[in-house]
Amino acid sequence: MSMQKVVERILSDATLEAQKTVEDAKTRAETIVADASLRAEKRRVEVETETRAQVENILEKRASDARLESSKILLREKRKTVDGVYALALARLVALEKEDCMRLTARLLENYAEENDEIFLAENFKYAKDLERLPIVEKKKLKIAEKRLQIEGGMRLVGKTSDKDLSYLALISADKDEYQASLARELFR
């Protein structure tokens, strides 16, 4: 073989080898790009799923917080309403007409006063003279103190064994402790 043919053969083999190397490199590159694209798509789907879950979690937490805050506001307003009812009841007790006031006072003294108790009236108690004439006062030998107290209507009984707060505020508070739940149920069905 001539030198020329040997050189041509070497060049031809080299060209074929180079083409094969280039094709192999292209195939590997396409495979690498395809794998990278697959991994990127898989990661994108994972990130989207994680992001959606985080968004849903945040939205649920915010919704839960909003429901809780709404419940707090509603409860606060319900309490204000119930407190308003009791404030109105207190105002009406303080403003009782003489007959009703004497009937209530007589019943309170009958139920709570002990013999020889001293009655301390509220500063705003309007019917002290009428109170002195109640039969229960004489029957239980009750004394009416000259000193008036800064309480919301009603009176306090001071006795040898115990003192009793029969101010209208104390009566309203006792009623509230016992009945506010049922009152709230009735008001807010």
N, C-alpha and C. Protein backbone atom coordinates (compact mmCIF):
# COMPACT_ATOMS: atom_id res chain seq x y z
N MET A 1 0.83 -1.16 0.00
CA MET A 1 0.00 0.00 0.00
C MET A 1 0.88 1.23 0.00
N SER A 2 0.35 2.11 -0.68
CA SER A 2 1.14 3.31 -0.81
C SER A 2 0.90 4.19 0.40
N MET A 3 1.79 5.05 0.52
CA MET A 3 1.78 5.95 1.65
C MET A 3 0.53 6.83 1.62
N GLN A 4 0.17 7.20 0.48
CA GLN A 4 -0.99 8.03 0.28
C GLN A 4 -2.22 7.28 0.77
N LYS A 5 -2.31 6.02 0.44
CA LYS A 5 -3.47 5.23 0.81
C LYS A 5 -3.47 5.01 2.32
N VAL A 6 -2.33 4.85 2.91
CA VAL A 6 -2.24 4.65 4.35
C VAL A 6 -2.72 5.93 5.04
N VAL A 7 -2.28 7.05 4.53
CA VAL A 7 -2.67 8.33 5.14
C VAL A 7 -4.19 8.50 4.98
N GLU A 8 -4.70 8.19 3.80
CA GLU A 8 -6.13 8.33 3.57
C GLU A 8 -6.90 7.39 4.50
N ARG A 9 -6.37 6.18 4.63
CA ARG A 9 -7.04 5.21 5.50
C ARG A 9 -7.04 5.71 6.94
N ILE A 10 -5.91 6.24 7.40
CA ILE A 10 -5.81 6.77 8.76
C ILE A 10 -6.77 7.94 8.92
N LEU A 11 -6.82 8.81 7.95
CA LEU A 11 -7.72 9.97 8.01
C LEU A 11 -9.18 9.51 7.99
N SER A 12 -9.45 8.51 7.18
CA SER A 12 -10.80 7.99 7.09
C SER A 12 -11.21 7.34 8.42
N ASP A 13 -10.31 6.54 8.98
CA ASP A 13 -10.59 5.91 10.27
C ASP A 13 -10.76 6.98 11.36
N ALA A 14 -9.90 7.97 11.31
CA ALA A 14 -9.95 9.05 12.30
C ALA A 14 -11.26 9.82 12.17
N THR A 15 -11.68 10.07 10.92
CA THR A 15 -12.92 10.79 10.69
C THR A 15 -14.10 9.98 11.23
N LEU A 16 -14.09 8.65 10.93
CA LEU A 16 -15.16 7.79 11.43
C LEU A 16 -15.17 7.77 12.97
N GLU A 17 -13.97 7.66 13.51
CA GLU A 17 -13.84 7.64 14.98
C GLU A 17 -14.33 8.97 15.56
N ALA A 18 -14.00 10.07 14.93
CA ALA A 18 -14.42 11.40 15.41
C ALA A 18 -15.94 11.53 15.33
N GLN A 19 -16.51 11.05 14.19
CA GLN A 19 -17.97 11.11 14.03
C GLN A 19 -18.65 10.27 15.11
N LYS A 20 -18.09 9.07 15.34
CA LYS A 20 -18.67 8.20 16.36
C LYS A 20 -18.57 8.85 17.73
N THR A 21 -17.44 9.48 18.05
CA THR A 21 -17.26 10.16 19.32
C THR A 21 -18.25 11.31 19.45
N VAL A 22 -18.42 12.06 18.37
CA VAL A 22 -19.36 13.19 18.38
C VAL A 22 -20.78 12.67 18.59
N GLU A 23 -21.15 11.59 17.88
CA GLU A 23 -22.50 11.03 18.03
C GLU A 23 -22.70 10.50 19.44
N ASP A 24 -21.68 9.81 19.97
CA ASP A 24 -21.78 9.32 21.35
C ASP A 24 -21.94 10.50 22.33
N ALA A 25 -21.17 11.53 22.09
CA ALA A 25 -21.24 12.72 22.96
C ALA A 25 -22.62 13.37 22.86
N LYS A 26 -23.16 13.45 21.64
CA LYS A 26 -24.51 14.01 21.45
C LYS A 26 -25.53 13.16 22.18
N THR A 27 -25.41 11.83 22.03
CA THR A 27 -26.36 10.93 22.69
C THR A 27 -26.27 11.08 24.21
N ARG A 28 -25.04 11.10 24.71
CA ARG A 28 -24.86 11.29 26.16
C ARG A 28 -25.41 12.65 26.59
N ALA A 29 -25.14 13.67 25.81
CA ALA A 29 -25.63 15.01 26.14
C ALA A 29 -27.15 15.04 26.14
N GLU A 30 -27.76 14.41 25.14
CA GLU A 30 -29.23 14.36 25.09
C GLU A 30 -29.78 13.59 26.29
N THR A 31 -29.11 12.50 26.66
CA THR A 31 -29.53 11.72 27.82
C THR A 31 -29.40 12.56 29.09
N ILE A 32 -28.27 13.23 29.23
CA ILE A 32 -28.04 14.09 30.41
C ILE A 32 -29.08 15.20 30.45
N VAL A 33 -29.36 15.84 29.33
CA VAL A 33 -30.35 16.92 29.27
C VAL A 33 -31.73 16.36 29.60
N ALA A 34 -32.06 15.17 29.03
CA ALA A 34 -33.37 14.57 29.31
C ALA A 34 -33.50 14.23 30.80
N ASP A 35 -32.42 13.63 31.38
CA ASP A 35 -32.44 13.31 32.81
C ASP A 35 -32.57 14.58 33.65
N ALA A 36 -31.82 15.60 33.27
CA ALA A 36 -31.88 16.87 34.00
C ALA A 36 -33.28 17.48 33.89
N SER A 37 -33.87 17.41 32.71
CA SER A 37 -35.23 17.94 32.51
C SER A 37 -36.22 17.17 33.36
N LEU A 38 -36.06 15.82 33.41
CA LEU A 38 -36.93 14.98 34.21
C LEU A 38 -36.80 15.33 35.69
N ARG A 39 -35.54 15.46 36.16
CA ARG A 39 -35.31 15.82 37.56
C ARG A 39 -35.87 17.22 37.85
N ALA A 40 -35.66 18.13 36.94
CA ALA A 40 -36.15 19.50 37.13
C ALA A 40 -37.68 19.51 37.20
N GLU A 41 -38.34 18.74 36.30
CA GLU A 41 -39.80 18.68 36.31
C GLU A 41 -40.30 18.04 37.61
N LYS A 42 -39.61 16.95 38.02
CA LYS A 42 -39.99 16.28 39.27
C LYS A 42 -39.84 17.25 40.45
N ARG A 43 -38.74 17.98 40.48
CA ARG A 43 -38.49 18.95 41.57
C ARG A 43 -39.52 20.08 41.52
N ARG A 44 -39.84 20.53 40.30
CA ARG A 44 -40.85 21.59 40.16
C ARG A 44 -42.19 21.12 40.72
N VAL A 45 -42.58 19.89 40.42
CA VAL A 45 -43.83 19.34 40.92
C VAL A 45 -43.78 19.24 42.45
N GLU A 46 -42.62 18.78 42.99
CA GLU A 46 -42.47 18.68 44.45
C GLU A 46 -42.60 20.06 45.10
N VAL A 47 -41.92 21.05 44.52
CA VAL A 47 -41.95 22.41 45.07
C VAL A 47 -43.37 22.97 44.99
N GLU A 48 -44.05 22.74 43.87
CA GLU A 48 -45.43 23.21 43.75
C GLU A 48 -46.33 22.55 44.79
N THR A 49 -46.15 21.25 44.99
CA THR A 49 -46.95 20.52 45.99
C THR A 49 -46.67 21.05 47.39
N GLU A 50 -45.38 21.22 47.70
CA GLU A 50 -45.01 21.76 49.02
C GLU A 50 -45.57 23.16 49.20
N THR A 51 -45.45 23.98 48.16
CA THR A 51 -45.94 25.36 48.23
C THR A 51 -47.45 25.38 48.43
N ARG A 52 -48.18 24.52 47.68
CA ARG A 52 -49.62 24.45 47.83
C ARG A 52 -49.99 24.04 49.26
N ALA A 53 -49.26 23.04 49.78
CA ALA A 53 -49.54 22.57 51.15
C ALA A 53 -49.27 23.69 52.16
N GLN A 54 -48.17 24.43 51.97
CA GLN A 54 -47.87 25.55 52.88
C GLN A 54 -48.93 26.64 52.78
N VAL A 55 -49.35 26.94 51.56
CA VAL A 55 -50.39 27.96 51.37
C VAL A 55 -51.68 27.52 52.05
N GLU A 56 -52.07 26.25 51.85
CA GLU A 56 -53.28 25.74 52.48
C GLU A 56 -53.16 25.78 54.01
N ASN A 57 -51.98 25.43 54.51
CA ASN A 57 -51.73 25.46 55.95
C ASN A 57 -51.86 26.89 56.49
N ILE A 58 -51.26 27.82 55.78
CA ILE A 58 -51.32 29.23 56.19
C ILE A 58 -52.77 29.72 56.14
N LEU A 59 -53.47 29.38 55.06
CA LEU A 59 -54.87 29.82 54.93
C LEU A 59 -55.74 29.21 56.03
N GLU A 60 -55.52 27.92 56.32
CA GLU A 60 -56.29 27.27 57.38
C GLU A 60 -56.00 27.91 58.73
N LYS A 61 -54.73 28.20 58.98
CA LYS A 61 -54.36 28.84 60.25
C LYS A 61 -55.00 30.22 60.35
N ARG A 62 -54.93 30.97 59.26
CA ARG A 62 -55.55 32.30 59.27
C ARG A 62 -57.06 32.20 59.46
N ALA A 63 -57.67 31.23 58.79
CA ALA A 63 -59.12 31.04 58.93
C ALA A 63 -59.45 30.64 60.37
N SER A 64 -58.63 29.77 60.92
CA SER A 64 -58.84 29.35 62.31
C SER A 64 -58.68 30.53 63.26
N ASP A 65 -57.64 31.33 63.03
CA ASP A 65 -57.43 32.53 63.85
C ASP A 65 -58.62 33.49 63.71
N ALA A 66 -59.11 33.63 62.49
CA ALA A 66 -60.25 34.53 62.25
C ALA A 66 -61.50 34.01 62.96
N ARG A 67 -61.72 32.67 62.89
CA ARG A 67 -62.88 32.11 63.60
C ARG A 67 -62.75 32.32 65.10
N LEU A 68 -61.55 32.10 65.63
CA LEU A 68 -61.32 32.29 67.06
C LEU A 68 -61.55 33.75 67.46
N GLU A 69 -61.00 34.66 66.68
CA GLU A 69 -61.17 36.10 66.98
C GLU A 69 -62.65 36.48 66.87
N SER A 70 -63.31 35.94 65.88
CA SER A 70 -64.74 36.21 65.71
C SER A 70 -65.53 35.70 66.91
N SER A 71 -65.18 34.50 67.37
CA SER A 71 -65.85 33.94 68.55
C SER A 71 -65.60 34.80 69.78
N LYS A 72 -64.37 35.30 69.92
CA LYS A 72 -64.05 36.17 71.05
C LYS A 72 -64.89 37.45 71.00
N ILE A 73 -64.98 38.02 69.82
CA ILE A 73 -65.75 39.26 69.66
C ILE A 73 -67.22 39.00 69.97
N LEU A 74 -67.75 37.90 69.44
CA LEU A 74 -69.15 37.55 69.70
C LEU A 74 -69.39 37.33 71.18
N LEU A 75 -68.49 36.60 71.83
CA LEU A 75 -68.63 36.36 73.27
C LEU A 75 -68.57 37.67 74.05
N ARG A 76 -67.64 38.54 73.68
CA ARG A 76 -67.51 39.84 74.35
C ARG A 76 -68.81 40.64 74.20
N GLU A 77 -69.39 40.62 73.01
CA GLU A 77 -70.63 41.37 72.78
C GLU A 77 -71.80 40.73 73.54
N LYS A 78 -71.81 39.41 73.61
CA LYS A 78 -72.86 38.74 74.38
C LYS A 78 -72.73 39.11 75.86
N ARG A 79 -71.49 39.12 76.35
CA ARG A 79 -71.28 39.51 77.76
C ARG A 79 -71.75 40.93 78.00
N LYS A 80 -71.43 41.82 77.04
CA LYS A 80 -71.88 43.21 77.18
C LYS A 80 -73.40 43.28 77.25
N THR A 81 -74.06 42.47 76.44
CA THR A 81 -75.53 42.46 76.43
C THR A 81 -76.06 41.96 77.77
N VAL A 82 -75.50 40.85 78.25
CA VAL A 82 -75.94 40.31 79.54
C VAL A 82 -75.65 41.32 80.65
N ASP A 83 -74.45 41.92 80.62
CA ASP A 83 -74.12 42.94 81.62
C ASP A 83 -75.09 44.12 81.53
N GLY A 84 -75.48 44.47 80.30
CA GLY A 84 -76.45 45.54 80.11
C GLY A 84 -77.80 45.21 80.72
N VAL A 85 -78.21 43.95 80.58
CA VAL A 85 -79.48 43.52 81.18
C VAL A 85 -79.41 43.68 82.70
N TYR A 86 -78.28 43.23 83.28
CA TYR A 86 -78.15 43.34 84.74
C TYR A 86 -77.99 44.80 85.19
N ALA A 87 -77.34 45.62 84.39
CA ALA A 87 -77.24 47.05 84.72
C ALA A 87 -78.62 47.69 84.70
N LEU A 88 -79.43 47.31 83.72
CA LEU A 88 -80.79 47.82 83.64
C LEU A 88 -81.61 47.34 84.85
N ALA A 89 -81.44 46.08 85.23
CA ALA A 89 -82.15 45.55 86.40
C ALA A 89 -81.75 46.31 87.66
N LEU A 90 -80.45 46.60 87.80
CA LEU A 90 -79.97 47.36 88.95
C LEU A 90 -80.59 48.76 88.96
N ALA A 91 -80.60 49.41 87.81
CA ALA A 91 -81.18 50.75 87.73
C ALA A 91 -82.67 50.73 88.10
N ARG A 92 -83.36 49.68 87.66
CA ARG A 92 -84.78 49.58 87.99
C ARG A 92 -85.00 49.29 89.47
N LEU A 93 -84.13 48.50 90.07
CA LEU A 93 -84.25 48.25 91.51
C LEU A 93 -84.04 49.55 92.30
N VAL A 94 -83.03 50.31 91.91
CA VAL A 94 -82.75 51.58 92.61
C VAL A 94 -83.93 52.54 92.45
N ALA A 95 -84.63 52.47 91.32
CA ALA A 95 -85.72 53.41 91.04
C ALA A 95 -87.10 52.84 91.42
N LEU A 96 -87.15 51.77 92.19
CA LEU A 96 -88.44 51.18 92.56
C LEU A 96 -89.35 52.21 93.23
N GLU A 97 -90.63 52.10 92.93
CA GLU A 97 -91.63 52.93 93.62
C GLU A 97 -91.75 52.45 95.06
N LYS A 98 -92.32 53.28 95.92
CA LYS A 98 -92.37 52.99 97.35
C LYS A 98 -92.99 51.63 97.67
N GLU A 99 -94.14 51.33 97.10
CA GLU A 99 -94.81 50.06 97.42
C GLU A 99 -93.93 48.86 97.07
N ASP A 100 -93.37 48.86 95.87
CA ASP A 100 -92.53 47.74 95.43
C ASP A 100 -91.26 47.66 96.27
N CYS A 101 -90.68 48.79 96.57
CA CYS A 101 -89.46 48.82 97.38
C CYS A 101 -89.73 48.27 98.77
N MET A 102 -90.85 48.66 99.37
CA MET A 102 -91.19 48.18 100.72
C MET A 102 -91.50 46.68 100.71
N ARG A 103 -92.16 46.22 99.66
CA ARG A 103 -92.46 44.79 99.55
C ARG A 103 -91.15 43.98 99.44
N LEU A 104 -90.22 44.45 98.61
CA LEU A 104 -88.93 43.78 98.45
C LEU A 104 -88.13 43.83 99.74
N THR A 105 -88.08 45.00 100.37
CA THR A 105 -87.32 45.17 101.61
C THR A 105 -87.89 44.28 102.72
N ALA A 106 -89.19 44.22 102.82
CA ALA A 106 -89.82 43.37 103.85
C ALA A 106 -89.47 41.91 103.61
N ARG A 107 -89.50 41.48 102.36
CA ARG A 107 -89.17 40.09 102.04
C ARG A 107 -87.70 39.78 102.35
N LEU A 108 -86.82 40.72 102.01
CA LEU A 108 -85.39 40.53 102.31
C LEU A 108 -85.16 40.45 103.82
N LEU A 109 -85.80 41.35 104.56
CA LEU A 109 -85.64 41.33 106.02
C LEU A 109 -86.22 40.05 106.62
N GLU A 110 -87.34 39.61 106.10
CA GLU A 110 -87.97 38.38 106.59
C GLU A 110 -87.03 37.18 106.36
N ASN A 111 -86.40 37.14 105.21
CA ASN A 111 -85.54 35.99 104.85
C ASN A 111 -84.14 36.05 105.46
N TYR A 112 -83.59 37.24 105.65
CA TYR A 112 -82.17 37.32 106.01
C TYR A 112 -81.88 37.97 107.37
N ALA A 113 -82.74 38.81 107.86
CA ALA A 113 -82.45 39.52 109.11
C ALA A 113 -82.57 38.58 110.31
N GLU A 114 -81.67 38.79 111.25
CA GLU A 114 -81.75 38.06 112.52
C GLU A 114 -82.14 39.07 113.59
N GLU A 115 -82.64 38.57 114.68
CA GLU A 115 -83.09 39.45 115.75
C GLU A 115 -81.96 40.38 116.18
N ASN A 116 -82.30 41.65 116.38
CA ASN A 116 -81.40 42.71 116.84
C ASN A 116 -80.34 43.11 115.81
N ASP A 117 -80.49 42.74 114.56
CA ASP A 117 -79.56 43.21 113.53
C ASP A 117 -79.70 44.72 113.36
N GLU A 118 -78.63 45.33 112.90
CA GLU A 118 -78.69 46.76 112.60
C GLU A 118 -78.70 46.91 111.08
N ILE A 119 -79.58 47.77 110.59
CA ILE A 119 -79.75 47.98 109.15
C ILE A 119 -79.00 49.24 108.75
N PHE A 120 -78.06 49.09 107.83
CA PHE A 120 -77.35 50.24 107.25
C PHE A 120 -77.88 50.40 105.82
N LEU A 121 -78.58 51.50 105.60
CA LEU A 121 -79.19 51.75 104.30
C LEU A 121 -78.21 52.40 103.33
N ALA A 122 -78.50 52.23 102.05
CA ALA A 122 -77.72 52.89 101.01
C ALA A 122 -78.03 54.38 101.04
N GLU A 123 -77.07 55.18 100.62
CA GLU A 123 -77.29 56.63 100.57
C GLU A 123 -78.49 56.99 99.71
N ASN A 124 -78.72 56.19 98.66
CA ASN A 124 -79.81 56.52 97.73
C ASN A 124 -81.12 55.80 98.07
N PHE A 125 -81.21 55.20 99.27
CA PHE A 125 -82.46 54.55 99.69
C PHE A 125 -83.45 55.65 100.08
N LYS A 126 -84.59 55.72 99.37
CA LYS A 126 -85.51 56.86 99.50
C LYS A 126 -86.57 56.71 100.59
N TYR A 127 -86.78 55.51 101.10
CA TYR A 127 -87.97 55.29 101.93
C TYR A 127 -87.61 54.83 103.34
N ALA A 128 -86.65 55.49 103.96
CA ALA A 128 -86.21 55.09 105.31
C ALA A 128 -87.35 55.21 106.32
N LYS A 129 -88.12 56.26 106.25
CA LYS A 129 -89.23 56.45 107.20
C LYS A 129 -90.27 55.33 107.05
N ASP A 130 -90.52 54.93 105.83
CA ASP A 130 -91.49 53.85 105.58
C ASP A 130 -90.93 52.52 106.07
N LEU A 131 -89.62 52.36 105.97
CA LEU A 131 -88.97 51.13 106.43
C LEU A 131 -89.17 50.95 107.94
N GLU A 132 -89.07 52.05 108.67
CA GLU A 132 -89.22 51.97 110.13
C GLU A 132 -90.60 51.41 110.51
N ARG A 133 -91.61 51.63 109.67
CA ARG A 133 -92.98 51.21 109.99
C ARG A 133 -93.30 49.79 109.53
N LEU A 134 -92.34 49.11 108.91
CA LEU A 134 -92.61 47.73 108.48
C LEU A 134 -92.76 46.82 109.71
N PRO A 135 -93.74 45.96 109.73
CA PRO A 135 -93.96 45.07 110.89
C PRO A 135 -92.75 44.18 111.19
N ILE A 136 -92.01 43.79 110.17
CA ILE A 136 -90.85 42.90 110.38
C ILE A 136 -89.76 43.58 111.20
N VAL A 137 -89.66 44.90 111.09
CA VAL A 137 -88.66 45.66 111.84
C VAL A 137 -88.94 45.52 113.33
N GLU A 138 -90.18 45.71 113.70
CA GLU A 138 -90.55 45.57 115.12
C GLU A 138 -90.47 44.12 115.56
N LYS A 139 -90.96 43.21 114.72
CA LYS A 139 -91.00 41.80 115.07
C LYS A 139 -89.59 41.25 115.38
N LYS A 140 -88.59 41.64 114.56
CA LYS A 140 -87.23 41.12 114.76
C LYS A 140 -86.35 42.09 115.55
N LYS A 141 -86.95 43.17 116.07
CA LYS A 141 -86.24 44.17 116.88
C LYS A 141 -85.01 44.71 116.13
N LEU A 142 -85.25 45.11 114.91
CA LEU A 142 -84.18 45.63 114.07
C LEU A 142 -83.96 47.10 114.35
N LYS A 143 -82.71 47.53 114.23
CA LYS A 143 -82.38 48.94 114.43
C LYS A 143 -81.94 49.50 113.08
N ILE A 144 -82.32 50.73 112.81
CA ILE A 144 -81.90 51.38 111.58
C ILE A 144 -80.80 52.38 111.93
N ALA A 145 -79.62 52.15 111.37
CA ALA A 145 -78.47 53.02 111.66
C ALA A 145 -78.66 54.37 110.99
N GLU A 146 -78.13 55.40 111.65
CA GLU A 146 -78.19 56.73 111.05
C GLU A 146 -77.21 56.86 109.89
N LYS A 147 -76.10 56.16 110.01
CA LYS A 147 -75.06 56.22 108.98
C LYS A 147 -75.56 55.53 107.71
N ARG A 148 -75.35 56.20 106.59
CA ARG A 148 -75.71 55.64 105.28
C ARG A 148 -74.44 55.15 104.60
N LEU A 149 -74.58 54.14 103.76
CA LEU A 149 -73.42 53.55 103.06
C LEU A 149 -73.43 53.91 101.59
N GLN A 150 -72.24 53.96 101.02
CA GLN A 150 -72.11 54.21 99.58
C GLN A 150 -72.20 52.87 98.84
N ILE A 151 -73.42 52.38 98.74
CA ILE A 151 -73.70 51.14 98.02
C ILE A 151 -74.83 51.42 97.05
N GLU A 152 -74.99 50.55 96.07
CA GLU A 152 -76.04 50.72 95.06
C GLU A 152 -77.37 50.22 95.58
N GLY A 153 -78.11 51.06 96.26
CA GLY A 153 -79.44 50.71 96.73
C GLY A 153 -79.42 49.61 97.78
N GLY A 154 -80.56 49.37 98.38
CA GLY A 154 -80.67 48.29 99.34
C GLY A 154 -80.04 48.62 100.68
N MET A 155 -79.45 47.58 101.31
CA MET A 155 -78.95 47.75 102.68
C MET A 155 -77.92 46.68 103.00
N ARG A 156 -77.31 46.86 104.15
CA ARG A 156 -76.46 45.82 104.75
C ARG A 156 -76.99 45.58 106.15
N LEU A 157 -77.00 44.32 106.52
CA LEU A 157 -77.41 43.95 107.86
C LEU A 157 -76.15 43.61 108.65
N VAL A 158 -76.01 44.22 109.80
CA VAL A 158 -74.87 43.93 110.67
C VAL A 158 -75.44 43.31 111.93
N GLY A 159 -74.97 42.10 112.24
CA GLY A 159 -75.50 41.38 113.39
C GLY A 159 -74.38 40.83 114.25
N LYS A 160 -74.80 40.17 115.34
CA LYS A 160 -73.82 39.59 116.26
C LYS A 160 -73.11 38.40 115.63
N THR A 161 -73.81 37.60 114.85
CA THR A 161 -73.20 36.40 114.29
C THR A 161 -72.70 36.58 112.87
N SER A 162 -73.36 37.43 112.10
CA SER A 162 -72.91 37.62 110.71
C SER A 162 -73.43 38.94 110.15
N ASP A 163 -72.75 39.38 109.10
CA ASP A 163 -73.17 40.55 108.35
C ASP A 163 -73.66 40.06 106.99
N LYS A 164 -74.67 40.75 106.47
CA LYS A 164 -75.23 40.34 105.18
C LYS A 164 -75.34 41.56 104.27
N ASP A 165 -74.80 41.39 103.07
CA ASP A 165 -74.87 42.46 102.08
C ASP A 165 -76.13 42.26 101.24
N LEU A 166 -77.10 43.10 101.49
CA LEU A 166 -78.35 43.05 100.74
C LEU A 166 -78.49 44.28 99.84
N SER A 167 -77.33 44.81 99.44
CA SER A 167 -77.38 45.93 98.49
C SER A 167 -77.91 45.37 97.17
N TYR A 168 -78.50 46.23 96.39
CA TYR A 168 -79.06 45.78 95.13
C TYR A 168 -77.96 45.23 94.22
N LEU A 169 -76.79 45.84 94.29
CA LEU A 169 -75.67 45.34 93.48
C LEU A 169 -75.29 43.92 93.89
N ALA A 170 -75.26 43.65 95.20
CA ALA A 170 -74.95 42.31 95.68
C ALA A 170 -76.02 41.32 95.25
N LEU A 171 -77.28 41.73 95.32
CA LEU A 171 -78.38 40.85 94.90
C LEU A 171 -78.30 40.56 93.40
N ILE A 172 -78.01 41.61 92.63
CA ILE A 172 -77.87 41.45 91.17
C ILE A 172 -76.68 40.54 90.87
N SER A 173 -75.56 40.74 91.58
CA SER A 173 -74.37 39.91 91.35
C SER A 173 -74.64 38.44 91.67
N ALA A 174 -75.36 38.19 92.75
CA ALA A 174 -75.69 36.82 93.12
C ALA A 174 -76.59 36.19 92.05
N ASP A 175 -77.54 36.96 91.58
CA ASP A 175 -78.43 36.46 90.52
C ASP A 175 -77.63 36.19 89.25
N LYS A 176 -76.73 37.10 88.94
CA LYS A 176 -75.91 36.95 87.73
C LYS A 176 -75.07 35.68 87.82
N ASP A 177 -74.45 35.44 88.98
CA ASP A 177 -73.64 34.23 89.14
C ASP A 177 -74.47 32.98 88.90
N GLU A 178 -75.70 33.01 89.36
CA GLU A 178 -76.53 31.81 89.28
C GLU A 178 -77.24 31.66 87.93
N TYR A 179 -77.66 32.76 87.33
CA TYR A 179 -78.55 32.66 86.18
C TYR A 179 -78.02 33.22 84.86
N GLN A 180 -76.80 33.76 84.83
CA GLN A 180 -76.37 34.40 83.58
C GLN A 180 -76.25 33.41 82.43
N ALA A 181 -75.87 32.17 82.70
CA ALA A 181 -75.76 31.18 81.62
C ALA A 181 -77.12 30.90 81.00
N SER A 182 -78.13 30.70 81.84
CA SER A 182 -79.47 30.44 81.30
C SER A 182 -80.04 31.68 80.65
N LEU A 183 -79.74 32.86 81.18
CA LEU A 183 -80.18 34.11 80.55
C LEU A 183 -79.55 34.25 79.17
N ALA A 184 -78.26 33.96 79.08
CA ALA A 184 -77.57 34.05 77.79
C ALA A 184 -78.16 33.07 76.79
N ARG A 185 -78.47 31.86 77.24
CA ARG A 185 -79.09 30.88 76.33
C ARG A 185 -80.44 31.40 75.84
N GLU A 186 -81.18 32.01 76.73
CA GLU A 186 -82.50 32.53 76.38
C GLU A 186 -82.37 33.71 75.40
N LEU A 187 -81.41 34.59 75.66
CA LEU A 187 -81.23 35.76 74.80
C LEU A 187 -80.66 35.41 73.44
N PHE A 188 -79.78 34.41 73.38
CA PHE A 188 -79.02 34.14 72.15
C PHE A 188 -79.30 32.75 71.60
N ARG A 189 -80.54 32.38 71.52
CA ARG A 189 -80.92 31.04 71.01
C ARG A 189 -80.33 30.78 69.67
